[in-house]
């Protein structure tokens, strides 16, 4: 699956638009990560536990996006965007969306 945050895929011609596809995941903080984040707030530095959590969340949301696009016959997704939101105290959603298309070589 080709994935682009641009409206085109360089070197490819979009021959069919299949519509909006999306993927999301909601994750909660882990108590251990939250404790370590509190210590980092005092001493400074990267919150690696949260960095790992967000990386895993983005990967899962992207996989769901790709699965949905494949299910409708797409071989590419263009104009991909990410969004985050707070769902509840300690829980956040990662949401990714784009346009499923069929492309072919020019």
N, C-alpha and C. Protein backbone atom coordinates (compact mmCIF):
# COMPACT_ATOMS: atom_id res chain seq x y z
N UNK A 1 0.85 -1.18 0.00
CA UNK A 1 0.00 0.00 0.00
C UNK A 1 0.89 1.23 0.00
N UNK A 2 0.71 2.09 -0.99
CA UNK A 2 1.41 3.38 -1.03
C UNK A 2 0.63 4.38 -0.18
N UNK A 3 1.33 5.08 0.68
CA UNK A 3 0.69 6.06 1.56
C UNK A 3 1.43 7.37 1.42
N UNK A 4 0.68 8.44 1.14
CA UNK A 4 1.28 9.75 0.92
C UNK A 4 0.49 10.83 1.64
N UNK A 5 1.21 11.79 2.21
CA UNK A 5 0.51 12.93 2.80
C UNK A 5 0.29 14.03 1.76
N UNK A 6 0.72 13.77 0.52
CA UNK A 6 0.46 14.70 -0.58
C UNK A 6 -0.84 14.27 -1.28
N UNK A 7 -1.31 15.11 -2.17
CA UNK A 7 -2.54 14.80 -2.91
C UNK A 7 -2.28 13.91 -4.11
N UNK A 8 -1.02 13.62 -4.37
CA UNK A 8 -0.63 12.78 -5.50
C UNK A 8 0.44 11.80 -5.03
N UNK A 9 0.70 10.80 -5.85
CA UNK A 9 1.84 9.91 -5.64
C UNK A 9 2.77 10.15 -6.82
N UNK A 10 3.93 10.75 -6.59
CA UNK A 10 4.83 11.07 -7.69
C UNK A 10 5.12 9.85 -8.56
N UNK A 11 5.02 10.04 -9.87
CA UNK A 11 5.29 8.97 -10.82
C UNK A 11 4.12 8.03 -11.04
N UNK A 12 3.01 8.28 -10.38
CA UNK A 12 1.82 7.43 -10.51
C UNK A 12 0.65 8.29 -10.96
N UNK A 13 -0.29 7.67 -11.65
CA UNK A 13 -1.50 8.36 -12.08
C UNK A 13 -2.68 7.80 -11.29
N UNK A 14 -3.44 8.68 -10.66
CA UNK A 14 -4.65 8.25 -9.95
C UNK A 14 -5.72 7.98 -10.99
N UNK A 15 -6.21 6.75 -11.03
CA UNK A 15 -7.21 6.37 -12.02
C UNK A 15 -8.59 6.17 -11.41
N UNK A 16 -8.65 6.11 -10.08
CA UNK A 16 -9.96 5.93 -9.44
C UNK A 16 -9.89 6.41 -7.99
N UNK A 17 -10.87 7.23 -7.60
CA UNK A 17 -11.01 7.65 -6.21
C UNK A 17 -12.05 6.74 -5.56
N UNK A 18 -11.71 6.18 -4.41
CA UNK A 18 -12.62 5.25 -3.73
C UNK A 18 -13.23 5.84 -2.47
N UNK A 19 -12.77 7.00 -2.05
CA UNK A 19 -13.38 7.67 -0.90
C UNK A 19 -12.52 7.69 0.35
N UNK A 20 -13.10 8.25 1.39
CA UNK A 20 -12.43 8.43 2.66
C UNK A 20 -12.22 7.10 3.37
N UNK A 21 -11.03 6.90 3.91
CA UNK A 21 -10.73 5.77 4.77
C UNK A 21 -10.12 6.31 6.06
N UNK A 22 -10.25 5.52 7.12
CA UNK A 22 -9.78 6.00 8.41
C UNK A 22 -9.31 4.85 9.28
N UNK A 23 -8.54 5.19 10.27
CA UNK A 23 -8.10 4.23 11.26
C UNK A 23 -7.89 4.97 12.57
N UNK A 24 -8.19 4.30 13.67
CA UNK A 24 -8.00 4.96 14.96
C UNK A 24 -7.71 3.93 16.04
N UNK A 25 -7.21 4.42 17.13
CA UNK A 25 -7.01 3.61 18.33
C UNK A 25 -7.10 4.54 19.53
N UNK A 26 -7.61 4.01 20.62
CA UNK A 26 -7.68 4.75 21.87
C UNK A 26 -6.81 4.02 22.88
N UNK A 27 -5.91 4.74 23.48
CA UNK A 27 -4.98 4.14 24.44
C UNK A 27 -5.03 4.90 25.76
N UNK A 28 -4.83 4.18 26.84
CA UNK A 28 -4.77 4.78 28.17
C UNK A 28 -3.34 4.73 28.69
N UNK A 29 -3.04 5.64 29.59
CA UNK A 29 -1.72 5.65 30.21
C UNK A 29 -1.56 4.45 31.12
N UNK A 30 -0.36 3.97 31.20
CA UNK A 30 0.02 2.88 32.10
C UNK A 30 0.52 3.53 33.39
N UNK A 31 0.13 3.01 34.54
CA UNK A 31 0.51 3.61 35.82
C UNK A 31 2.02 3.75 35.96
N UNK A 32 2.77 2.75 35.53
CA UNK A 32 4.23 2.82 35.60
C UNK A 32 4.79 3.93 34.74
N UNK A 33 4.23 4.06 33.54
CA UNK A 33 4.68 5.13 32.64
C UNK A 33 4.33 6.49 33.23
N UNK A 34 3.15 6.57 33.85
CA UNK A 34 2.70 7.83 34.43
C UNK A 34 3.63 8.24 35.58
N UNK A 35 4.04 7.29 36.38
CA UNK A 35 4.96 7.56 37.49
C UNK A 35 6.30 8.09 36.96
N UNK A 36 6.83 7.38 35.96
CA UNK A 36 8.11 7.80 35.39
C UNK A 36 8.00 9.17 34.73
N UNK A 37 6.85 9.45 34.11
CA UNK A 37 6.65 10.77 33.49
C UNK A 37 6.68 11.86 34.55
N UNK A 38 6.11 11.57 35.71
CA UNK A 38 6.14 12.53 36.81
C UNK A 38 7.55 12.85 37.24
N UNK A 39 8.40 11.82 37.29
CA UNK A 39 9.81 12.05 37.64
C UNK A 39 10.52 12.87 36.56
N UNK A 40 10.22 12.59 35.31
CA UNK A 40 10.85 13.34 34.21
C UNK A 40 10.43 14.80 34.26
N UNK A 41 9.19 15.07 34.69
CA UNK A 41 8.74 16.46 34.81
C UNK A 41 9.58 17.21 35.82
N UNK A 42 10.07 16.51 36.84
CA UNK A 42 10.90 17.15 37.86
C UNK A 42 12.32 17.36 37.34
N UNK A 43 12.90 16.31 36.73
CA UNK A 43 14.30 16.35 36.33
C UNK A 43 14.53 16.71 34.87
N UNK A 44 13.48 16.65 34.05
CA UNK A 44 13.60 16.97 32.64
C UNK A 44 13.99 15.76 31.81
N UNK A 45 13.80 15.85 30.51
CA UNK A 45 14.16 14.78 29.61
C UNK A 45 12.95 14.24 28.85
N UNK A 46 13.24 13.40 27.88
CA UNK A 46 12.18 12.81 27.05
C UNK A 46 11.37 11.82 27.85
N UNK A 47 10.08 11.81 27.63
CA UNK A 47 9.18 10.86 28.26
C UNK A 47 9.10 9.63 27.34
N UNK A 48 10.12 8.78 27.40
CA UNK A 48 10.24 7.68 26.45
C UNK A 48 9.08 6.70 26.52
N UNK A 49 8.50 6.50 27.69
CA UNK A 49 7.34 5.62 27.81
C UNK A 49 6.18 6.13 26.97
N UNK A 50 5.97 7.44 27.00
CA UNK A 50 4.90 8.03 26.20
C UNK A 50 5.25 8.06 24.72
N UNK A 51 6.51 8.28 24.42
CA UNK A 51 6.95 8.24 23.02
C UNK A 51 6.66 6.87 22.42
N UNK A 52 7.00 5.82 23.17
CA UNK A 52 6.73 4.45 22.70
C UNK A 52 5.23 4.20 22.56
N UNK A 53 4.45 4.67 23.52
CA UNK A 53 2.99 4.49 23.47
C UNK A 53 2.40 5.16 22.23
N UNK A 54 2.84 6.37 21.94
CA UNK A 54 2.32 7.09 20.78
C UNK A 54 2.78 6.45 19.47
N UNK A 55 4.00 5.96 19.43
CA UNK A 55 4.49 5.28 18.23
C UNK A 55 3.65 4.02 17.96
N UNK A 56 3.41 3.23 18.99
CA UNK A 56 2.57 2.02 18.85
C UNK A 56 1.17 2.40 18.40
N UNK A 57 0.62 3.47 18.96
CA UNK A 57 -0.74 3.91 18.60
C UNK A 57 -0.81 4.36 17.15
N UNK A 58 0.18 5.13 16.70
CA UNK A 58 0.19 5.58 15.30
C UNK A 58 0.31 4.39 14.36
N UNK A 59 1.17 3.43 14.70
CA UNK A 59 1.34 2.24 13.86
C UNK A 59 0.03 1.45 13.76
N UNK A 60 -0.66 1.29 14.88
CA UNK A 60 -1.92 0.56 14.87
C UNK A 60 -3.00 1.29 14.06
N UNK A 61 -3.09 2.60 14.22
CA UNK A 61 -4.07 3.38 13.46
C UNK A 61 -3.76 3.31 11.96
N UNK A 62 -2.47 3.38 11.59
CA UNK A 62 -2.09 3.28 10.18
C UNK A 62 -2.43 1.91 9.61
N UNK A 63 -2.23 0.85 10.38
CA UNK A 63 -2.56 -0.49 9.92
C UNK A 63 -4.07 -0.61 9.68
N UNK A 64 -4.86 -0.05 10.55
CA UNK A 64 -6.32 -0.06 10.37
C UNK A 64 -6.74 0.74 9.15
N UNK A 65 -6.07 1.87 8.92
CA UNK A 65 -6.32 2.69 7.72
C UNK A 65 -6.04 1.87 6.47
N UNK A 66 -4.88 1.20 6.44
CA UNK A 66 -4.49 0.40 5.28
C UNK A 66 -5.44 -0.77 5.05
N UNK A 67 -5.86 -1.43 6.12
CA UNK A 67 -6.81 -2.55 6.01
C UNK A 67 -8.12 -2.09 5.38
N UNK A 68 -8.61 -0.95 5.82
CA UNK A 68 -9.87 -0.43 5.28
C UNK A 68 -9.72 -0.10 3.80
N UNK A 69 -8.60 0.49 3.42
CA UNK A 69 -8.36 0.83 2.02
C UNK A 69 -8.26 -0.42 1.16
N UNK A 70 -7.53 -1.43 1.63
CA UNK A 70 -7.42 -2.70 0.88
C UNK A 70 -8.78 -3.35 0.69
N UNK A 71 -9.62 -3.27 1.71
CA UNK A 71 -10.94 -3.90 1.66
C UNK A 71 -11.83 -3.31 0.57
N UNK A 72 -11.58 -2.07 0.17
CA UNK A 72 -12.40 -1.46 -0.89
C UNK A 72 -11.67 -1.41 -2.23
N UNK A 73 -10.50 -2.07 -2.30
CA UNK A 73 -9.80 -2.21 -3.57
C UNK A 73 -8.74 -1.18 -3.87
N UNK A 74 -8.33 -0.40 -2.90
CA UNK A 74 -7.31 0.63 -3.12
C UNK A 74 -5.92 0.02 -3.11
N UNK A 75 -5.01 0.67 -3.82
CA UNK A 75 -3.60 0.31 -3.73
C UNK A 75 -2.75 1.49 -3.25
N UNK A 76 -3.44 2.60 -2.90
CA UNK A 76 -2.75 3.77 -2.36
C UNK A 76 -3.73 4.61 -1.55
N UNK A 77 -3.16 5.41 -0.65
CA UNK A 77 -3.95 6.37 0.13
C UNK A 77 -3.22 7.70 0.04
N UNK A 78 -3.94 8.74 -0.35
CA UNK A 78 -3.34 10.06 -0.50
C UNK A 78 -3.95 11.03 0.51
N UNK A 79 -3.24 12.16 0.68
CA UNK A 79 -3.69 13.23 1.56
C UNK A 79 -3.93 12.75 2.99
N UNK A 80 -3.01 11.94 3.50
CA UNK A 80 -3.15 11.35 4.82
C UNK A 80 -2.86 12.39 5.90
N UNK A 81 -3.70 12.40 6.92
CA UNK A 81 -3.57 13.34 8.04
C UNK A 81 -3.79 12.60 9.36
N UNK A 82 -3.14 13.10 10.41
CA UNK A 82 -3.30 12.57 11.76
C UNK A 82 -4.01 13.59 12.64
N UNK A 83 -4.73 13.07 13.62
CA UNK A 83 -5.38 13.92 14.61
C UNK A 83 -5.31 13.19 15.95
N UNK A 84 -5.24 13.94 17.02
CA UNK A 84 -5.29 13.35 18.35
C UNK A 84 -6.34 14.07 19.17
N UNK A 85 -6.91 13.35 20.12
CA UNK A 85 -7.87 13.98 21.02
C UNK A 85 -7.87 13.25 22.34
N UNK A 86 -8.23 13.97 23.37
CA UNK A 86 -8.33 13.39 24.70
C UNK A 86 -9.75 12.84 24.85
N UNK A 87 -9.86 11.55 25.17
CA UNK A 87 -11.16 10.90 25.30
C UNK A 87 -11.66 10.97 26.74
N UNK A 88 -10.77 10.69 27.67
CA UNK A 88 -11.07 10.73 29.10
C UNK A 88 -9.76 11.01 29.82
N UNK A 89 -9.84 11.18 31.13
CA UNK A 89 -8.62 11.43 31.89
C UNK A 89 -7.66 10.26 31.69
N UNK A 90 -6.50 10.55 31.11
CA UNK A 90 -5.49 9.51 30.92
C UNK A 90 -5.66 8.68 29.67
N UNK A 91 -6.62 8.99 28.80
CA UNK A 91 -6.82 8.22 27.57
C UNK A 91 -6.92 9.17 26.38
N UNK A 92 -6.25 8.78 25.30
CA UNK A 92 -6.23 9.60 24.09
C UNK A 92 -6.50 8.75 22.86
N UNK A 93 -7.04 9.41 21.83
CA UNK A 93 -7.27 8.75 20.55
C UNK A 93 -6.28 9.27 19.53
N UNK A 94 -5.74 8.36 18.75
CA UNK A 94 -4.97 8.71 17.55
C UNK A 94 -5.88 8.36 16.38
N UNK A 95 -6.15 9.33 15.51
CA UNK A 95 -7.04 9.15 14.38
C UNK A 95 -6.27 9.52 13.13
N UNK A 96 -6.32 8.66 12.11
CA UNK A 96 -5.65 8.94 10.84
C UNK A 96 -6.67 8.74 9.73
N UNK A 97 -6.62 9.61 8.73
CA UNK A 97 -7.58 9.52 7.63
C UNK A 97 -6.93 9.98 6.33
N UNK A 98 -7.52 9.54 5.24
CA UNK A 98 -7.03 9.92 3.92
C UNK A 98 -8.00 9.46 2.85
N UNK A 99 -7.61 9.61 1.61
CA UNK A 99 -8.44 9.23 0.47
C UNK A 99 -7.87 7.99 -0.19
N UNK A 100 -8.69 6.95 -0.24
CA UNK A 100 -8.29 5.69 -0.89
C UNK A 100 -8.41 5.88 -2.40
N UNK A 101 -7.36 5.45 -3.11
CA UNK A 101 -7.33 5.58 -4.56
C UNK A 101 -6.71 4.35 -5.19
N UNK A 102 -6.90 4.25 -6.50
CA UNK A 102 -6.20 3.24 -7.30
C UNK A 102 -5.24 4.03 -8.18
N UNK A 103 -3.96 3.65 -8.14
CA UNK A 103 -2.96 4.30 -8.98
C UNK A 103 -2.32 3.29 -9.90
N UNK A 104 -1.78 3.80 -11.01
CA UNK A 104 -1.01 2.96 -11.92
C UNK A 104 0.18 3.76 -12.41
N UNK A 105 1.21 3.07 -12.86
CA UNK A 105 2.40 3.75 -13.37
C UNK A 105 2.05 4.58 -14.59
N UNK A 106 2.71 5.70 -14.73
CA UNK A 106 2.48 6.56 -15.90
C UNK A 106 3.22 6.03 -17.08
